[in-house]
Amino acid sequence: MYEIEYRAVLTEGAYKELTERLANEATLLGTDDKEVSYYIFPDKLLKVVRNISKGTGKISLKLTALGAGSSFQEFEVPFPEESFETMKNICENISTPDQVISGTQKRTNYEHKGVEIALKWSEDWGYHVEFEIMVSDLSEKEAADARIRDAAEALSVPLMTEEEVAAFSAKVRAKKKDSQ
């Protein structure tokens, strides 16, 4: 599967406004708070996730560099929540990532116009939103891009460009490196 994903950073006010709009205009998929450890490599991103809201876990491999592009192949394997620390230990001991960033995300998922929307807050990204569609083949990317842009425009959300996402991600990584 391929994930087609776009982001937007929001002010607290814009976050609250979007929350109200989504409550009225979208289908609520539920709370989806997570504890995540990101293992950052030059050409891929490995994540170990504890889904606090659902009591589950997963390991996810995205075959692209953090902040590089809006489409990427992604593989996920679920595991029991109680295996979260073990999965983190495995990832920490079988590879040497450039950086590891861990944190908690407050997240609520919606569906709007065929697009999954994750309204989020995290310490690193602040208030933000992700628009996502999963496709089985990259030949579907152009149509997915258009659906995401239409959904964002209907909600008055200015999506970040790939360059803006890359710059923001680099800023987060640098800030984390300085604090370690």
N, C-alpha and C. Protein backbone atom coordinates (compact mmCIF):
# COMPACT_ATOMS: atom_id res chain seq x y z
N MET A 1 0.84 -1.19 0.00
CA MET A 1 0.00 0.00 0.00
C MET A 1 0.88 1.24 0.00
N TYR A 2 0.30 2.31 -0.51
CA TYR A 2 0.98 3.59 -0.55
C TYR A 2 0.13 4.62 0.19
N GLU A 3 0.79 5.40 1.01
CA GLU A 3 0.10 6.45 1.74
C GLU A 3 0.32 7.76 1.01
N ILE A 4 -0.77 8.46 0.73
CA ILE A 4 -0.71 9.80 0.16
C ILE A 4 -1.11 10.72 1.30
N GLU A 5 -0.20 11.60 1.73
CA GLU A 5 -0.42 12.37 2.95
C GLU A 5 0.04 13.81 2.77
N TYR A 6 -0.78 14.72 3.24
CA TYR A 6 -0.45 16.14 3.28
C TYR A 6 -0.71 16.65 4.68
N ARG A 7 0.01 17.71 5.05
CA ARG A 7 -0.09 18.26 6.40
C ARG A 7 -0.33 19.76 6.36
N ALA A 8 -0.79 20.25 7.48
CA ALA A 8 -0.89 21.69 7.70
C ALA A 8 -0.65 21.95 9.18
N VAL A 9 0.17 22.94 9.48
CA VAL A 9 0.37 23.38 10.86
C VAL A 9 -0.70 24.43 11.14
N LEU A 10 -1.31 24.35 12.33
CA LEU A 10 -2.42 25.23 12.69
C LEU A 10 -2.09 26.04 13.94
N THR A 11 -2.69 27.20 14.04
CA THR A 11 -2.68 27.92 15.31
C THR A 11 -3.69 27.23 16.23
N GLU A 12 -3.65 27.56 17.49
CA GLU A 12 -4.63 26.97 18.41
C GLU A 12 -6.05 27.38 18.00
N GLY A 13 -6.22 28.63 17.60
CA GLY A 13 -7.53 29.10 17.15
C GLY A 13 -8.02 28.37 15.92
N ALA A 14 -7.13 28.19 14.93
CA ALA A 14 -7.50 27.47 13.71
C ALA A 14 -7.81 26.01 14.02
N TYR A 15 -7.10 25.43 14.98
CA TYR A 15 -7.35 24.05 15.41
C TYR A 15 -8.76 23.93 15.99
N LYS A 16 -9.13 24.88 16.85
CA LYS A 16 -10.47 24.86 17.47
C LYS A 16 -11.55 25.05 16.41
N GLU A 17 -11.33 25.98 15.48
CA GLU A 17 -12.30 26.20 14.39
C GLU A 17 -12.46 24.95 13.53
N LEU A 18 -11.34 24.31 13.20
CA LEU A 18 -11.40 23.10 12.38
C LEU A 18 -12.09 21.97 13.14
N THR A 19 -11.84 21.87 14.43
CA THR A 19 -12.52 20.87 15.25
C THR A 19 -14.04 21.05 15.16
N GLU A 20 -14.51 22.28 15.25
CA GLU A 20 -15.95 22.56 15.15
C GLU A 20 -16.49 22.22 13.77
N ARG A 21 -15.75 22.60 12.73
CA ARG A 21 -16.20 22.31 11.37
C ARG A 21 -16.27 20.81 11.13
N LEU A 22 -15.25 20.10 11.55
CA LEU A 22 -15.25 18.65 11.35
C LEU A 22 -16.39 17.98 12.12
N ALA A 23 -16.69 18.50 13.31
CA ALA A 23 -17.80 17.94 14.09
C ALA A 23 -19.12 18.06 13.32
N ASN A 24 -19.26 19.11 12.52
CA ASN A 24 -20.49 19.36 11.78
C ASN A 24 -20.48 18.80 10.36
N GLU A 25 -19.30 18.68 9.74
CA GLU A 25 -19.23 18.37 8.31
C GLU A 25 -18.58 17.03 7.98
N ALA A 26 -18.03 16.34 8.98
CA ALA A 26 -17.30 15.10 8.71
C ALA A 26 -17.85 13.97 9.58
N THR A 27 -17.42 12.77 9.28
CA THR A 27 -17.77 11.61 10.08
C THR A 27 -16.67 11.38 11.11
N LEU A 28 -17.04 11.37 12.37
CA LEU A 28 -16.08 11.13 13.44
C LEU A 28 -15.68 9.66 13.43
N LEU A 29 -14.38 9.39 13.32
CA LEU A 29 -13.88 8.02 13.37
C LEU A 29 -13.38 7.67 14.77
N GLY A 30 -13.15 8.69 15.61
CA GLY A 30 -12.80 8.44 17.00
C GLY A 30 -11.47 9.02 17.44
N THR A 31 -11.28 8.95 18.74
CA THR A 31 -10.03 9.37 19.37
C THR A 31 -8.97 8.32 19.05
N ASP A 32 -7.77 8.79 18.79
CA ASP A 32 -6.70 7.89 18.34
C ASP A 32 -5.35 8.34 18.92
N ASP A 33 -5.30 8.60 20.25
CA ASP A 33 -4.07 9.05 20.90
C ASP A 33 -3.01 7.97 20.84
N LYS A 34 -1.75 8.40 20.65
CA LYS A 34 -0.66 7.45 20.45
C LYS A 34 0.61 7.88 21.18
N GLU A 35 1.37 6.89 21.58
CA GLU A 35 2.75 7.08 22.01
C GLU A 35 3.60 6.50 20.89
N VAL A 36 4.52 7.30 20.36
CA VAL A 36 5.25 6.89 19.16
C VAL A 36 6.76 7.09 19.35
N SER A 37 7.53 6.11 18.90
CA SER A 37 8.98 6.26 18.78
C SER A 37 9.31 6.18 17.29
N TYR A 38 9.95 7.24 16.80
CA TYR A 38 10.35 7.34 15.39
C TYR A 38 11.84 7.02 15.28
N TYR A 39 12.18 6.07 14.43
CA TYR A 39 13.57 5.72 14.15
C TYR A 39 13.87 6.28 12.76
N ILE A 40 14.65 7.34 12.74
CA ILE A 40 14.84 8.12 11.51
C ILE A 40 16.13 7.70 10.82
N PHE A 41 15.99 7.30 9.57
CA PHE A 41 17.11 6.91 8.72
C PHE A 41 17.17 7.88 7.54
N PRO A 42 18.27 7.91 6.81
CA PRO A 42 18.37 8.85 5.68
C PRO A 42 17.30 8.62 4.61
N ASP A 43 16.86 7.37 4.44
CA ASP A 43 15.96 7.06 3.34
C ASP A 43 14.66 6.38 3.76
N LYS A 44 14.39 6.31 5.06
CA LYS A 44 13.16 5.65 5.54
C LYS A 44 12.86 6.08 6.96
N LEU A 45 11.64 5.75 7.39
CA LEU A 45 11.19 6.06 8.74
C LEU A 45 10.54 4.81 9.32
N LEU A 46 11.04 4.36 10.46
CA LEU A 46 10.49 3.22 11.18
C LEU A 46 9.80 3.76 12.42
N LYS A 47 8.56 3.33 12.65
CA LYS A 47 7.82 3.80 13.83
C LYS A 47 7.35 2.60 14.65
N VAL A 48 7.42 2.75 15.96
CA VAL A 48 6.79 1.81 16.88
C VAL A 48 5.74 2.61 17.62
N VAL A 49 4.50 2.12 17.55
CA VAL A 49 3.35 2.89 18.01
C VAL A 49 2.57 2.12 19.07
N ARG A 50 2.28 2.79 20.17
CA ARG A 50 1.31 2.30 21.15
C ARG A 50 0.06 3.14 20.95
N ASN A 51 -1.02 2.52 20.52
CA ASN A 51 -2.26 3.24 20.34
C ASN A 51 -2.98 3.25 21.69
N ILE A 52 -2.81 4.34 22.40
CA ILE A 52 -3.34 4.49 23.76
C ILE A 52 -4.86 4.34 23.75
N SER A 53 -5.52 4.95 22.78
CA SER A 53 -6.99 4.96 22.73
C SER A 53 -7.58 3.60 22.44
N LYS A 54 -6.89 2.78 21.67
CA LYS A 54 -7.45 1.50 21.24
C LYS A 54 -6.84 0.29 21.95
N GLY A 55 -5.76 0.53 22.71
CA GLY A 55 -5.13 -0.59 23.42
C GLY A 55 -4.43 -1.56 22.49
N THR A 56 -3.83 -1.03 21.41
CA THR A 56 -3.13 -1.86 20.43
C THR A 56 -1.74 -1.30 20.18
N GLY A 57 -0.99 -1.98 19.34
CA GLY A 57 0.32 -1.51 18.93
C GLY A 57 0.56 -1.85 17.48
N LYS A 58 1.56 -1.19 16.88
CA LYS A 58 1.95 -1.52 15.51
C LYS A 58 3.36 -1.03 15.27
N ILE A 59 4.00 -1.69 14.33
CA ILE A 59 5.28 -1.23 13.82
C ILE A 59 5.00 -0.85 12.37
N SER A 60 5.57 0.27 11.95
CA SER A 60 5.30 0.81 10.63
C SER A 60 6.61 1.24 9.98
N LEU A 61 6.79 0.85 8.72
CA LEU A 61 7.97 1.24 7.96
C LEU A 61 7.51 2.05 6.76
N LYS A 62 7.96 3.30 6.68
CA LYS A 62 7.66 4.17 5.54
C LYS A 62 8.94 4.28 4.71
N LEU A 63 8.84 3.95 3.45
CA LEU A 63 10.02 3.93 2.58
C LEU A 63 10.27 5.29 1.95
N THR A 64 10.48 6.27 2.81
CA THR A 64 10.88 7.60 2.40
C THR A 64 11.51 8.30 3.59
N ALA A 65 12.34 9.28 3.31
CA ALA A 65 12.94 10.06 4.38
C ALA A 65 11.88 10.92 5.04
N LEU A 66 12.06 11.20 6.32
CA LEU A 66 11.15 12.06 7.05
C LEU A 66 11.05 13.41 6.37
N GLY A 67 9.83 13.81 6.03
CA GLY A 67 9.62 15.12 5.41
C GLY A 67 9.91 15.16 3.92
N ALA A 68 10.09 13.99 3.29
CA ALA A 68 10.43 13.95 1.86
C ALA A 68 9.26 13.44 1.04
N GLY A 69 8.44 14.34 0.58
CA GLY A 69 7.37 13.96 -0.34
C GLY A 69 6.06 13.64 0.33
N SER A 70 5.02 13.56 -0.50
CA SER A 70 3.66 13.34 0.00
C SER A 70 3.17 11.92 -0.25
N SER A 71 3.97 11.10 -0.93
CA SER A 71 3.55 9.72 -1.17
C SER A 71 4.70 8.77 -0.88
N PHE A 72 4.37 7.63 -0.29
CA PHE A 72 5.41 6.68 0.06
C PHE A 72 4.78 5.33 0.33
N GLN A 73 5.57 4.30 0.06
CA GLN A 73 5.12 2.95 0.38
C GLN A 73 5.23 2.76 1.89
N GLU A 74 4.23 2.08 2.44
CA GLU A 74 4.21 1.88 3.89
C GLU A 74 3.79 0.44 4.20
N PHE A 75 4.48 -0.14 5.17
CA PHE A 75 4.18 -1.49 5.64
C PHE A 75 3.88 -1.40 7.13
N GLU A 76 2.82 -2.08 7.58
CA GLU A 76 2.45 -2.07 8.99
C GLU A 76 2.22 -3.49 9.48
N VAL A 77 2.63 -3.74 10.71
CA VAL A 77 2.38 -5.02 11.36
C VAL A 77 1.83 -4.72 12.76
N PRO A 78 0.62 -5.19 13.06
CA PRO A 78 0.07 -4.97 14.40
C PRO A 78 0.72 -5.91 15.41
N PHE A 79 0.71 -5.49 16.66
CA PHE A 79 1.16 -6.34 17.75
C PHE A 79 0.38 -5.97 19.00
N PRO A 80 0.35 -6.85 20.01
CA PRO A 80 -0.39 -6.54 21.25
C PRO A 80 0.25 -5.35 21.96
N GLU A 81 -0.57 -4.51 22.56
CA GLU A 81 -0.07 -3.31 23.24
C GLU A 81 1.00 -3.64 24.28
N GLU A 82 0.86 -4.76 24.97
CA GLU A 82 1.84 -5.09 26.01
C GLU A 82 3.23 -5.40 25.44
N SER A 83 3.34 -5.53 24.12
CA SER A 83 4.64 -5.77 23.47
C SER A 83 5.34 -4.48 23.04
N PHE A 84 4.75 -3.33 23.35
CA PHE A 84 5.30 -2.04 22.89
C PHE A 84 6.76 -1.85 23.30
N GLU A 85 7.07 -2.02 24.58
CA GLU A 85 8.46 -1.80 25.04
C GLU A 85 9.41 -2.81 24.41
N THR A 86 8.98 -4.05 24.25
CA THR A 86 9.80 -5.07 23.60
C THR A 86 10.08 -4.69 22.15
N MET A 87 9.06 -4.22 21.44
CA MET A 87 9.25 -3.82 20.03
C MET A 87 10.21 -2.63 19.94
N LYS A 88 10.11 -1.68 20.87
CA LYS A 88 11.06 -0.56 20.88
C LYS A 88 12.47 -1.08 21.12
N ASN A 89 12.64 -2.01 22.06
CA ASN A 89 13.96 -2.57 22.34
C ASN A 89 14.54 -3.29 21.13
N ILE A 90 13.70 -4.02 20.40
CA ILE A 90 14.17 -4.69 19.19
C ILE A 90 14.67 -3.66 18.19
N CYS A 91 13.88 -2.63 17.93
CA CYS A 91 14.26 -1.61 16.95
C CYS A 91 15.53 -0.88 17.38
N GLU A 92 15.68 -0.64 18.66
CA GLU A 92 16.86 0.06 19.16
C GLU A 92 18.12 -0.78 19.09
N ASN A 93 17.96 -2.10 19.02
CA ASN A 93 19.13 -2.98 19.06
C ASN A 93 19.47 -3.66 17.74
N ILE A 94 18.65 -3.51 16.71
CA ILE A 94 18.98 -4.15 15.43
C ILE A 94 19.44 -3.16 14.37
N SER A 95 19.40 -1.88 14.69
CA SER A 95 19.79 -0.90 13.69
C SER A 95 20.37 0.33 14.37
N THR A 96 20.96 1.18 13.56
CA THR A 96 21.50 2.42 14.07
C THR A 96 20.89 3.57 13.27
N PRO A 97 19.76 4.08 13.74
CA PRO A 97 19.14 5.20 13.03
C PRO A 97 19.95 6.48 13.23
N ASP A 98 19.70 7.44 12.37
CA ASP A 98 20.34 8.75 12.53
C ASP A 98 19.87 9.42 13.81
N GLN A 99 18.59 9.19 14.15
CA GLN A 99 18.00 9.84 15.30
C GLN A 99 16.77 9.07 15.74
N VAL A 100 16.47 9.12 17.02
CA VAL A 100 15.24 8.56 17.56
C VAL A 100 14.49 9.69 18.25
N ILE A 101 13.23 9.86 17.88
CA ILE A 101 12.37 10.87 18.50
C ILE A 101 11.14 10.15 19.04
N SER A 102 10.84 10.39 20.32
CA SER A 102 9.68 9.76 20.94
C SER A 102 8.76 10.83 21.49
N GLY A 103 7.48 10.53 21.49
CA GLY A 103 6.53 11.48 22.05
C GLY A 103 5.11 10.96 21.97
N THR A 104 4.21 11.76 22.52
CA THR A 104 2.79 11.41 22.55
C THR A 104 2.03 12.36 21.63
N GLN A 105 1.07 11.80 20.90
CA GLN A 105 0.19 12.58 20.04
C GLN A 105 -1.23 12.50 20.59
N LYS A 106 -1.87 13.64 20.70
CA LYS A 106 -3.31 13.70 20.94
C LYS A 106 -3.92 13.78 19.55
N ARG A 107 -4.86 12.90 19.24
CA ARG A 107 -5.32 12.77 17.86
C ARG A 107 -6.79 12.37 17.82
N THR A 108 -7.53 13.00 16.90
CA THR A 108 -8.91 12.61 16.62
C THR A 108 -9.03 12.44 15.12
N ASN A 109 -9.59 11.31 14.71
CA ASN A 109 -9.71 10.99 13.27
C ASN A 109 -11.12 11.24 12.77
N TYR A 110 -11.16 11.73 11.53
CA TYR A 110 -12.42 12.00 10.83
C TYR A 110 -12.31 11.48 9.41
N GLU A 111 -13.46 11.35 8.75
CA GLU A 111 -13.50 11.08 7.31
C GLU A 111 -14.34 12.18 6.69
N HIS A 112 -13.80 12.81 5.65
CA HIS A 112 -14.48 13.92 4.97
C HIS A 112 -14.17 13.83 3.48
N LYS A 113 -15.21 13.69 2.69
CA LYS A 113 -15.07 13.64 1.23
C LYS A 113 -14.12 12.53 0.78
N GLY A 114 -14.17 11.38 1.47
CA GLY A 114 -13.33 10.24 1.11
C GLY A 114 -11.88 10.35 1.55
N VAL A 115 -11.59 11.30 2.43
CA VAL A 115 -10.23 11.53 2.92
C VAL A 115 -10.22 11.34 4.43
N GLU A 116 -9.23 10.58 4.94
CA GLU A 116 -9.07 10.47 6.39
C GLU A 116 -8.32 11.71 6.87
N ILE A 117 -8.87 12.33 7.89
CA ILE A 117 -8.28 13.55 8.45
C ILE A 117 -7.95 13.29 9.91
N ALA A 118 -6.69 13.51 10.26
CA ALA A 118 -6.25 13.35 11.65
C ALA A 118 -5.95 14.74 12.20
N LEU A 119 -6.76 15.17 13.14
CA LEU A 119 -6.56 16.45 13.82
C LEU A 119 -5.70 16.15 15.03
N LYS A 120 -4.50 16.78 15.10
CA LYS A 120 -3.50 16.34 16.06
C LYS A 120 -2.87 17.48 16.84
N TRP A 121 -2.31 17.09 17.99
CA TRP A 121 -1.41 17.96 18.75
C TRP A 121 -0.29 17.07 19.27
N SER A 122 0.94 17.56 19.09
CA SER A 122 2.10 16.91 19.70
C SER A 122 3.07 18.00 20.12
N GLU A 123 3.96 17.66 21.04
CA GLU A 123 4.94 18.64 21.51
C GLU A 123 5.81 19.14 20.36
N ASP A 124 6.18 18.25 19.46
CA ASP A 124 7.09 18.63 18.38
C ASP A 124 6.41 19.42 17.27
N TRP A 125 5.21 19.03 16.87
CA TRP A 125 4.52 19.67 15.75
C TRP A 125 3.51 20.71 16.20
N GLY A 126 3.15 20.73 17.48
CA GLY A 126 2.10 21.63 17.93
C GLY A 126 0.76 21.19 17.35
N TYR A 127 -0.11 22.15 17.09
CA TYR A 127 -1.41 21.86 16.49
C TYR A 127 -1.21 21.65 15.00
N HIS A 128 -1.74 20.55 14.49
CA HIS A 128 -1.61 20.29 13.06
C HIS A 128 -2.66 19.29 12.61
N VAL A 129 -2.74 19.14 11.30
CA VAL A 129 -3.73 18.23 10.71
C VAL A 129 -3.06 17.47 9.57
N GLU A 130 -3.44 16.21 9.42
CA GLU A 130 -2.96 15.39 8.31
C GLU A 130 -4.16 14.92 7.50
N PHE A 131 -4.02 15.03 6.19
CA PHE A 131 -5.02 14.53 5.25
C PHE A 131 -4.39 13.33 4.56
N GLU A 132 -5.08 12.18 4.56
CA GLU A 132 -4.45 10.95 4.08
C GLU A 132 -5.42 10.07 3.30
N ILE A 133 -4.89 9.45 2.25
CA ILE A 133 -5.59 8.42 1.50
C ILE A 133 -4.59 7.30 1.25
N MET A 134 -5.01 6.07 1.47
CA MET A 134 -4.19 4.91 1.14
C MET A 134 -4.61 4.41 -0.24
N VAL A 135 -3.61 4.13 -1.10
CA VAL A 135 -3.88 3.60 -2.44
C VAL A 135 -3.04 2.34 -2.64
N SER A 136 -3.51 1.48 -3.51
CA SER A 136 -2.79 0.23 -3.74
C SER A 136 -1.71 0.39 -4.80
N ASP A 137 -1.80 1.44 -5.60
CA ASP A 137 -0.86 1.63 -6.70
C ASP A 137 -0.62 3.12 -6.90
N LEU A 138 0.61 3.51 -7.19
CA LEU A 138 0.92 4.92 -7.36
C LEU A 138 0.25 5.56 -8.57
N SER A 139 -0.31 4.75 -9.46
CA SER A 139 -1.07 5.32 -10.58
C SER A 139 -2.31 6.04 -10.06
N GLU A 140 -2.70 5.79 -8.80
CA GLU A 140 -3.86 6.43 -8.19
C GLU A 140 -3.50 7.73 -7.45
N LYS A 141 -2.20 8.08 -7.45
CA LYS A 141 -1.74 9.24 -6.68
C LYS A 141 -2.37 10.55 -7.14
N GLU A 142 -2.41 10.79 -8.43
CA GLU A 142 -2.94 12.06 -8.92
C GLU A 142 -4.39 12.27 -8.47
N ALA A 143 -5.20 11.24 -8.57
CA ALA A 143 -6.60 11.34 -8.13
C ALA A 143 -6.68 11.55 -6.61
N ALA A 144 -5.81 10.86 -5.87
CA ALA A 144 -5.79 11.02 -4.41
C ALA A 144 -5.35 12.43 -4.03
N ASP A 145 -4.32 12.95 -4.72
CA ASP A 145 -3.87 14.33 -4.48
C ASP A 145 -5.04 15.30 -4.65
N ALA A 146 -5.79 15.14 -5.73
CA ALA A 146 -6.91 16.03 -6.03
C ALA A 146 -7.99 15.94 -4.95
N ARG A 147 -8.31 14.72 -4.50
CA ARG A 147 -9.32 14.56 -3.45
C ARG A 147 -8.87 15.22 -2.15
N ILE A 148 -7.59 15.07 -1.82
CA ILE A 148 -7.07 15.69 -0.61
C ILE A 148 -7.12 17.21 -0.73
N ARG A 149 -6.66 17.75 -1.85
CA ARG A 149 -6.70 19.20 -2.05
C ARG A 149 -8.13 19.73 -1.97
N ASP A 150 -9.08 19.02 -2.57
CA ASP A 150 -10.48 19.43 -2.52
C ASP A 150 -11.02 19.43 -1.09
N ALA A 151 -10.70 18.39 -0.34
CA ALA A 151 -11.17 18.31 1.05
C ALA A 151 -10.56 19.44 1.89
N ALA A 152 -9.27 19.69 1.72
CA ALA A 152 -8.60 20.76 2.47
C ALA A 152 -9.17 22.12 2.10
N GLU A 153 -9.37 22.33 0.81
CA GLU A 153 -9.93 23.61 0.36
C GLU A 153 -11.34 23.81 0.91
N ALA A 154 -12.16 22.77 0.91
CA ALA A 154 -13.52 22.86 1.44
C ALA A 154 -13.51 23.23 2.92
N LEU A 155 -12.46 22.85 3.63
CA LEU A 155 -12.32 23.16 5.06
C LEU A 155 -11.47 24.40 5.32
N SER A 156 -11.04 25.08 4.25
CA SER A 156 -10.21 26.29 4.35
C SER A 156 -8.89 26.04 5.05
N VAL A 157 -8.27 24.89 4.77
CA VAL A 157 -6.99 24.52 5.36
C VAL A 157 -5.91 24.63 4.29
N PRO A 158 -4.94 25.54 4.46
CA PRO A 158 -3.83 25.64 3.50
C PRO A 158 -2.80 24.53 3.76
N LEU A 159 -2.68 23.62 2.81
CA LEU A 159 -1.73 22.51 2.96
C LEU A 159 -0.30 22.99 2.81
N MET A 160 0.60 22.35 3.53
CA MET A 160 2.03 22.67 3.42
C MET A 160 2.56 22.08 2.11
N THR A 161 3.53 22.77 1.52
CA THR A 161 4.22 22.22 0.36
C THR A 161 5.22 21.18 0.86
N GLU A 162 5.74 20.37 -0.06
CA GLU A 162 6.77 19.39 0.32
C GLU A 162 7.98 20.09 0.92
N GLU A 163 8.33 21.25 0.38
CA GLU A 163 9.48 22.01 0.89
C GLU A 163 9.21 22.50 2.32
N GLU A 164 7.98 22.94 2.58
CA GLU A 164 7.64 23.40 3.93
C GLU A 164 7.66 22.25 4.93
N VAL A 165 7.17 21.08 4.52
CA VAL A 165 7.20 19.91 5.41
C VAL A 165 8.64 19.52 5.70
N ALA A 166 9.48 19.50 4.66
CA ALA A 166 10.89 19.14 4.84
C ALA A 166 11.59 20.12 5.78
N ALA A 167 11.34 21.41 5.60
CA ALA A 167 11.97 22.43 6.45
C ALA A 167 11.49 22.31 7.89
N PHE A 168 10.18 22.11 8.08
CA PHE A 168 9.63 21.98 9.42
C PHE A 168 10.18 20.73 10.11
N SER A 169 10.23 19.61 9.37
CA SER A 169 10.77 18.36 9.92
C SER A 169 12.23 18.52 10.31
N ALA A 170 13.01 19.22 9.49
CA ALA A 170 14.43 19.46 9.80
C ALA A 170 14.55 20.30 11.06
N LYS A 171 13.68 21.27 11.21
CA LYS A 171 13.69 22.13 12.40
C LYS A 171 13.39 21.31 13.66
N VAL A 172 12.40 20.41 13.58
CA VAL A 172 12.06 19.55 14.71
C VAL A 172 13.24 18.65 15.06
N ARG A 173 13.85 18.04 14.04
CA ARG A 173 14.99 17.15 14.29
C ARG A 173 16.15 17.91 14.93
N ALA A 174 16.44 19.11 14.45
CA ALA A 174 17.53 19.91 15.02
C ALA A 174 17.23 20.28 16.47
N LYS A 175 16.00 20.67 16.73
CA LYS A 175 15.60 21.02 18.10
C LYS A 175 15.77 19.82 19.02
N LYS A 176 15.36 18.65 18.56
CA LYS A 176 15.50 17.44 19.38
C LYS A 176 16.97 17.09 19.62
N LYS A 177 17.78 17.24 18.57
CA LYS A 177 19.22 16.94 18.73
C LYS A 177 19.85 17.87 19.76
N ASP A 178 19.48 19.15 19.71
CA ASP A 178 20.02 20.12 20.65
C ASP A 178 19.62 19.82 22.09
N SER A 179 18.45 19.23 22.28
CA SER A 179 17.96 18.97 23.63
C SER A 179 18.43 17.62 24.17
N GLN A 180 19.08 16.81 23.35
CA GLN A 180 19.52 15.48 23.80
C GLN A 180 20.90 15.51 24.37
